[in-house]
Amino acid sequence: MERRYTKPNLPEKTCAACGRPFAWRKKWTRDWDQVKTCSDRCKADLRRKGKVVPE
């Protein structure tokens, strides 16, 4: 069964690249456990710097 989130109680994570908090988005429904960065830009920054994303 799929979890349902409402705006006041969306789960949050901290971005591995910039350190800012970011909230769950509907497009991440299936992949929320694997999401480590807040944006494609941060993901690219990690790749450029050669950092390994902590799991």
Protein backbone atom coordinates (compact mmCIF):
# COMPACT_ATOMS: atom_id res chain seq x y z
CA MET A 1 0.00 0.00 0.00
CA GLU A 2 1.29 3.42 -0.96
CA ARG A 3 1.91 6.11 1.66
CA ARG A 4 -0.13 9.27 1.32
CA TYR A 5 1.43 12.56 2.33
CA THR A 6 -0.28 15.86 3.00
CA LYS A 7 1.46 19.22 2.78
CA PRO A 8 1.85 19.85 6.52
CA ASN A 9 3.65 16.55 7.14
CA LEU A 10 5.91 15.84 4.17
CA PRO A 11 9.08 13.95 5.06
CA GLU A 12 12.38 15.84 4.70
CA LYS A 13 16.00 14.95 4.01
CA THR A 14 19.24 16.91 3.91
CA CYS A 15 20.93 17.28 0.52
CA ALA A 16 24.27 15.44 0.30
CA ALA A 17 25.73 18.20 -1.91
CA CYS A 18 24.55 21.53 -0.52
CA GLY A 19 23.39 20.52 2.96
CA ARG A 20 20.00 22.20 2.65
CA PRO A 21 16.81 20.42 3.71
CA PHE A 22 14.40 19.36 0.99
CA ALA A 23 10.93 17.84 1.16
CA TRP A 24 9.35 14.84 -0.51
CA ARG A 25 7.96 15.40 -4.01
CA LYS A 26 5.36 13.31 -5.79
CA LYS A 27 7.76 12.39 -8.60
CA TRP A 28 9.99 10.72 -5.96
CA THR A 29 7.18 8.43 -4.73
CA ARG A 30 8.87 5.19 -5.80
CA ASP A 31 12.48 6.33 -5.25
CA TRP A 32 12.36 8.33 -1.99
CA ASP A 33 14.76 5.95 -0.23
CA GLN A 34 17.37 6.41 -3.00
CA VAL A 35 17.05 10.21 -3.35
CA LYS A 36 20.21 11.85 -1.92
CA THR A 37 20.27 15.31 -3.54
CA CYS A 38 17.70 18.08 -3.84
CA SER A 39 18.20 18.78 -7.55
CA ASP A 40 19.91 17.70 -10.75
CA ARG A 41 22.37 20.54 -10.25
CA CYS A 42 23.46 19.20 -6.85
CA LYS A 43 23.71 15.69 -8.29
CA ALA A 44 25.98 17.01 -11.06
CA ASP A 45 28.09 18.92 -8.52
CA LEU A 46 28.69 15.71 -6.58
CA ARG A 47 29.74 13.91 -9.75
CA ARG A 48 32.08 16.73 -10.78
CA LYS A 49 33.74 16.83 -7.37
CA GLY A 50 34.10 13.06 -7.36
CA LYS A 51 32.35 12.66 -4.04
CA VAL A 52 30.57 9.44 -3.28
CA VAL A 53 26.98 9.92 -2.16
CA PRO A 54 26.58 8.40 1.32
CA GLU A 55 23.97 5.66 1.51
